[in-house]
């Protein structure tokens, strides 16, 4: 659980899916669907200005009966974005997901967005770590003890 987030990014990739602030909700959702992701970052050039998630679609678009083709993503995105560094640990990131009730976190290093971590990425990492540990223990137990 003390593994750095940068290790997960190395394994999954550092792709950053984003839309410009001028994008409509429909365009942002199309980008999410195209890449099969639950969020896109709203980027003004290299500057992170917000995050738009599936939850935003449900609560702020569908719930408010907005027209996705006419409404700008900046009208419904989360502008106060919580970010983490690549040095943050899996444990710290899990705590943020729990306490802040969010599912996606941009990873920022040196002022630049270098990836995105989701709660699914963390769950997958923990599951793989536990499977590897169980396999290691199983091999240790079945190989016998040497005196």
C-alpha atoms as a PDB file:
ATOM      1  CA  UNK A   1       0.000   0.000   0.000  1.00  0.00           C
ATOM      2  CA  UNK A   2       3.035   2.222   0.149  1.00  0.00           C
ATOM      3  CA  UNK A   3       3.621   1.927  -3.587  1.00  0.00           C
ATOM      4  CA  UNK A   4       3.741   5.303  -5.323  1.00  0.00           C
ATOM      5  CA  UNK A   5       1.034   6.289  -7.772  1.00  0.00           C
ATOM      6  CA  UNK A   6       3.769   6.732 -10.402  1.00  0.00           C
ATOM      7  CA  UNK A   7       4.174   2.911 -10.376  1.00  0.00           C
ATOM      8  CA  UNK A   8       0.509   2.479 -11.296  1.00  0.00           C
ATOM      9  CA  UNK A   9       0.836   5.102 -14.037  1.00  0.00           C
ATOM     10  CA  UNK A  10       3.852   3.274 -15.465  1.00  0.00           C
ATOM     11  CA  UNK A  11       1.817   0.090 -15.692  1.00  0.00           C
ATOM     12  CA  UNK A  12      -1.479   1.519 -16.973  1.00  0.00           C
ATOM     13  CA  UNK A  13      -0.083   4.377 -19.027  1.00  0.00           C
ATOM     14  CA  UNK A  14      -0.001   8.131 -18.656  1.00  0.00           C
ATOM     15  CA  UNK A  15      -2.768   8.957 -21.107  1.00  0.00           C
ATOM     16  CA  UNK A  16      -4.628  12.141 -20.337  1.00  0.00           C
ATOM     17  CA  UNK A  17      -8.039  12.432 -21.937  1.00  0.00           C
ATOM     18  CA  UNK A  18      -9.246  16.006 -22.064  1.00  0.00           C
ATOM     19  CA  UNK A  19     -11.535  18.512 -23.699  1.00  0.00           C
ATOM     20  CA  UNK A  20     -11.155  22.278 -24.052  1.00  0.00           C
ATOM     21  CA  UNK A  21     -13.319  24.635 -21.959  1.00  0.00           C
ATOM     22  CA  UNK A  22     -15.327  25.449 -25.094  1.00  0.00           C
ATOM     23  CA  UNK A  23     -16.520  21.837 -25.517  1.00  0.00           C
ATOM     24  CA  UNK A  24     -20.182  21.016 -25.080  1.00  0.00           C
ATOM     25  CA  UNK A  25     -21.352  18.350 -22.686  1.00  0.00           C
ATOM     26  CA  UNK A  26     -22.174  16.143 -25.681  1.00  0.00           C
ATOM     27  CA  UNK A  27     -18.592  16.481 -26.958  1.00  0.00           C
ATOM     28  CA  UNK A  28     -17.152  15.702 -23.512  1.00  0.00           C
ATOM     29  CA  UNK A  29     -19.357  12.611 -23.165  1.00  0.00           C
ATOM     30  CA  UNK A  30     -18.374  11.491 -26.674  1.00  0.00           C
ATOM     31  CA  UNK A  31     -14.704  11.765 -25.653  1.00  0.00           C
ATOM     32  CA  UNK A  32     -15.357   9.730 -22.498  1.00  0.00           C
ATOM     33  CA  UNK A  33     -17.194   7.073 -24.517  1.00  0.00           C
ATOM     34  CA  UNK A  34     -14.490   6.981 -27.196  1.00  0.00           C
ATOM     35  CA  UNK A  35     -11.838   6.126 -24.618  1.00  0.00           C
ATOM     36  CA  UNK A  36     -14.144   4.152 -22.303  1.00  0.00           C
ATOM     37  CA  UNK A  37     -13.283   6.295 -19.277  1.00  0.00           C
ATOM     38  CA  UNK A  38     -15.386   7.819 -16.510  1.00  0.00           C
ATOM     39  CA  UNK A  39     -13.944  11.323 -16.680  1.00  0.00           C
ATOM     40  CA  UNK A  40     -12.168  13.845 -18.840  1.00  0.00           C
ATOM     41  CA  UNK A  41     -10.040  16.740 -17.721  1.00  0.00           C
ATOM     42  CA  UNK A  42     -10.981  20.204 -18.906  1.00  0.00           C
ATOM     43  CA  UNK A  43      -7.747  21.776 -20.104  1.00  0.00           C
ATOM     44  CA  UNK A  44      -7.099  25.315 -21.291  1.00  0.00           C
ATOM     45  CA  UNK A  45      -3.893  24.551 -23.151  1.00  0.00           C
ATOM     46  CA  UNK A  46      -1.567  23.025 -20.532  1.00  0.00           C
ATOM     47  CA  UNK A  47      -3.618  24.443 -17.632  1.00  0.00           C
ATOM     48  CA  UNK A  48      -6.069  22.216 -15.755  1.00  0.00           C
ATOM     49  CA  UNK A  49      -9.313  24.148 -15.254  1.00  0.00           C
ATOM     50  CA  UNK A  50     -11.702  21.367 -14.248  1.00  0.00           C
ATOM     51  CA  UNK A  51     -12.792  17.761 -14.374  1.00  0.00           C
ATOM     52  CA  UNK A  52     -15.984  16.380 -15.887  1.00  0.00           C
ATOM     53  CA  UNK A  53     -17.211  12.975 -14.713  1.00  0.00           C
ATOM     54  CA  UNK A  54     -20.052  10.501 -15.187  1.00  0.00           C
ATOM     55  CA  UNK A  55     -21.425  11.717 -11.874  1.00  0.00           C
ATOM     56  CA  UNK A  56     -21.561  15.276 -13.282  1.00  0.00           C
ATOM     57  CA  UNK A  57     -23.604  13.969 -16.226  1.00  0.00           C
ATOM     58  CA  UNK A  58     -26.155  12.399 -13.898  1.00  0.00           C
ATOM     59  CA  UNK A  59     -26.430  15.134 -11.303  1.00  0.00           C
ATOM     60  CA  UNK A  60     -25.723  18.344 -13.164  1.00  0.00           C
ATOM     61  CA  UNK A  61     -26.942  17.547 -16.670  1.00  0.00           C
ATOM     62  CA  UNK A  62     -29.678  14.914 -16.554  1.00  0.00           C
ATOM     63  CA  UNK A  63     -30.834  15.958 -13.078  1.00  0.00           C
ATOM     64  CA  UNK A  64     -31.049  19.595 -14.165  1.00  0.00           C
ATOM     65  CA  UNK A  65     -32.562  18.672 -17.577  1.00  0.00           C
ATOM     66  CA  UNK A  66     -29.879  20.575 -19.489  1.00  0.00           C
ATOM     67  CA  UNK A  67     -29.408  20.166 -23.233  1.00  0.00           C
ATOM     68  CA  UNK A  68     -26.015  18.437 -23.677  1.00  0.00           C
ATOM     69  CA  UNK A  69     -25.619  19.822 -27.203  1.00  0.00           C
ATOM     70  CA  UNK A  70     -26.182  23.412 -26.098  1.00  0.00           C
ATOM     71  CA  UNK A  71     -24.523  23.500 -22.687  1.00  0.00           C
ATOM     72  CA  UNK A  72     -20.810  24.126 -22.256  1.00  0.00           C
ATOM     73  CA  UNK A  73     -18.825  21.675 -20.145  1.00  0.00           C
ATOM     74  CA  UNK A  74     -17.532  24.554 -18.004  1.00  0.00           C
ATOM     75  CA  UNK A  75     -21.101  25.138 -16.794  1.00  0.00           C
ATOM     76  CA  UNK A  76     -21.261  21.723 -15.124  1.00  0.00           C
ATOM     77  CA  UNK A  77     -17.680  20.595 -14.472  1.00  0.00           C
ATOM     78  CA  UNK A  78     -16.018  20.516 -11.071  1.00  0.00           C
ATOM     79  CA  UNK A  79     -13.728  23.544 -11.114  1.00  0.00           C
ATOM     80  CA  UNK A  80     -12.043  22.886  -7.771  1.00  0.00           C
ATOM     81  CA  UNK A  81     -10.010  19.852  -8.773  1.00  0.00           C
ATOM     82  CA  UNK A  82      -8.244  17.739  -6.191  1.00  0.00           C
ATOM     83  CA  UNK A  83      -4.915  16.542  -7.571  1.00  0.00           C
ATOM     84  CA  UNK A  84      -2.169  14.223  -6.366  1.00  0.00           C
ATOM     85  CA  UNK A  85       1.515  13.897  -7.148  1.00  0.00           C
ATOM     86  CA  UNK A  86       3.199  10.822  -8.559  1.00  0.00           C
ATOM     87  CA  UNK A  87       4.883  10.395  -5.171  1.00  0.00           C
ATOM     88  CA  UNK A  88       1.542   9.953  -3.372  1.00  0.00           C
ATOM     89  CA  UNK A  89       1.075   6.408  -2.116  1.00  0.00           C
ATOM     90  CA  UNK A  90      -1.756   4.025  -2.879  1.00  0.00           C
ATOM     91  CA  UNK A  91      -2.820   4.322   0.771  1.00  0.00           C
ATOM     92  CA  UNK A  92      -2.904   8.150   0.645  1.00  0.00           C
ATOM     93  CA  UNK A  93      -4.837   8.061  -2.620  1.00  0.00           C
ATOM     94  CA  UNK A  94      -7.352   5.576  -1.231  1.00  0.00           C
ATOM     95  CA  UNK A  95      -7.895   7.889   1.755  1.00  0.00           C
ATOM     96  CA  UNK A  96      -8.565  10.838  -0.590  1.00  0.00           C
ATOM     97  CA  UNK A  97     -11.076   8.796  -2.608  1.00  0.00           C
ATOM     98  CA  UNK A  98     -12.871   7.851   0.607  1.00  0.00           C
ATOM     99  CA  UNK A  99     -12.795  11.215   2.359  1.00  0.00           C
ATOM    100  CA  UNK A 100     -13.543  13.401  -0.671  1.00  0.00           C
ATOM    101  CA  UNK A 101     -16.009  10.922  -2.215  1.00  0.00           C
ATOM    102  CA  UNK A 102     -14.428  11.188  -5.635  1.00  0.00           C
ATOM    103  CA  UNK A 103     -13.468   8.538  -8.177  1.00  0.00           C
ATOM    104  CA  UNK A 104     -10.887  10.230 -10.398  1.00  0.00           C
ATOM    105  CA  UNK A 105      -7.753  12.214  -9.559  1.00  0.00           C
ATOM    106  CA  UNK A 106      -5.419  13.988 -11.963  1.00  0.00           C
ATOM    107  CA  UNK A 107      -1.751  13.334 -11.267  1.00  0.00           C
ATOM    108  CA  UNK A 108       0.333  16.510 -11.414  1.00  0.00           C
ATOM    109  CA  UNK A 109       4.132  16.628 -11.417  1.00  0.00           C
ATOM    110  CA  UNK A 110       6.105  19.804 -11.848  1.00  0.00           C
ATOM    111  CA  UNK A 111       2.933  21.764 -12.516  1.00  0.00           C
ATOM    112  CA  UNK A 112       1.973  19.540 -15.469  1.00  0.00           C
ATOM    113  CA  UNK A 113      -0.777  16.935 -15.656  1.00  0.00           C
ATOM    114  CA  UNK A 114       0.914  13.599 -16.340  1.00  0.00           C
ATOM    115  CA  UNK A 115      -1.947  11.136 -15.906  1.00  0.00           C
ATOM    116  CA  UNK A 116      -5.179  10.271 -14.183  1.00  0.00           C
ATOM    117  CA  UNK A 117      -5.820   7.687 -11.477  1.00  0.00           C
ATOM    118  CA  UNK A 118      -9.256   6.211 -10.875  1.00  0.00           C
ATOM    119  CA  UNK A 119     -10.597   4.259  -7.958  1.00  0.00           C
ATOM    120  CA  UNK A 120     -10.736   1.298 -10.365  1.00  0.00           C
ATOM    121  CA  UNK A 121      -6.991   1.593 -11.002  1.00  0.00           C
ATOM    122  CA  UNK A 122      -6.364   1.488  -7.243  1.00  0.00           C
ATOM    123  CA  UNK A 123      -8.697  -1.476  -6.732  1.00  0.00           C
ATOM    124  CA  UNK A 124      -7.009  -3.379  -9.573  1.00  0.00           C
ATOM    125  CA  UNK A 125      -3.541  -2.628  -8.135  1.00  0.00           C
ATOM    126  CA  UNK A 126      -4.524  -3.782  -4.647  1.00  0.00           C
ATOM    127  CA  UNK A 127      -6.132  -6.947  -6.032  1.00  0.00           C
ATOM    128  CA  UNK A 128      -3.043  -7.809  -8.088  1.00  0.00           C
ATOM    129  CA  UNK A 129      -0.791  -7.140  -5.099  1.00  0.00           C
ATOM    130  CA  UNK A 130      -2.874  -9.403  -2.862  1.00  0.00           C
ATOM    131  CA  UNK A 131      -2.947 -12.181  -5.486  1.00  0.00           C
ATOM    132  CA  UNK A 132       0.844 -12.012  -5.887  1.00  0.00           C
ATOM    133  CA  UNK A 133       1.345 -12.069  -2.120  1.00  0.00           C
ATOM    134  CA  UNK A 134      -1.011 -15.048  -1.718  1.00  0.00           C
ATOM    135  CA  UNK A 135       0.808 -16.920  -4.494  1.00  0.00           C
ATOM    136  CA  UNK A 136       4.162 -16.162  -2.864  1.00  0.00           C
ATOM    137  CA  UNK A 137       2.912 -17.422   0.515  1.00  0.00           C
ATOM    138  CA  UNK A 138       1.393 -20.520  -1.097  1.00  0.00           C
ATOM    139  CA  UNK A 139       4.707 -21.313  -2.793  1.00  0.00           C
ATOM    140  CA  UNK A 140       6.574 -20.742   0.461  1.00  0.00           C
ATOM    141  CA  UNK A 141       4.274 -23.066   2.406  1.00  0.00           C
ATOM    142  CA  UNK A 142       4.207 -25.846  -0.197  1.00  0.00           C
ATOM    143  CA  UNK A 143       7.976 -25.789  -0.804  1.00  0.00           C
ATOM    144  CA  UNK A 144       8.585 -27.043   2.722  1.00  0.00           C
ATOM    145  CA  UNK A 145      10.719 -25.659   5.467  1.00  0.00           C
ATOM    146  CA  UNK A 146      14.463 -26.086   5.484  1.00  0.00           C
ATOM    147  CA  UNK A 147      16.264 -26.359   8.814  1.00  0.00           C
END
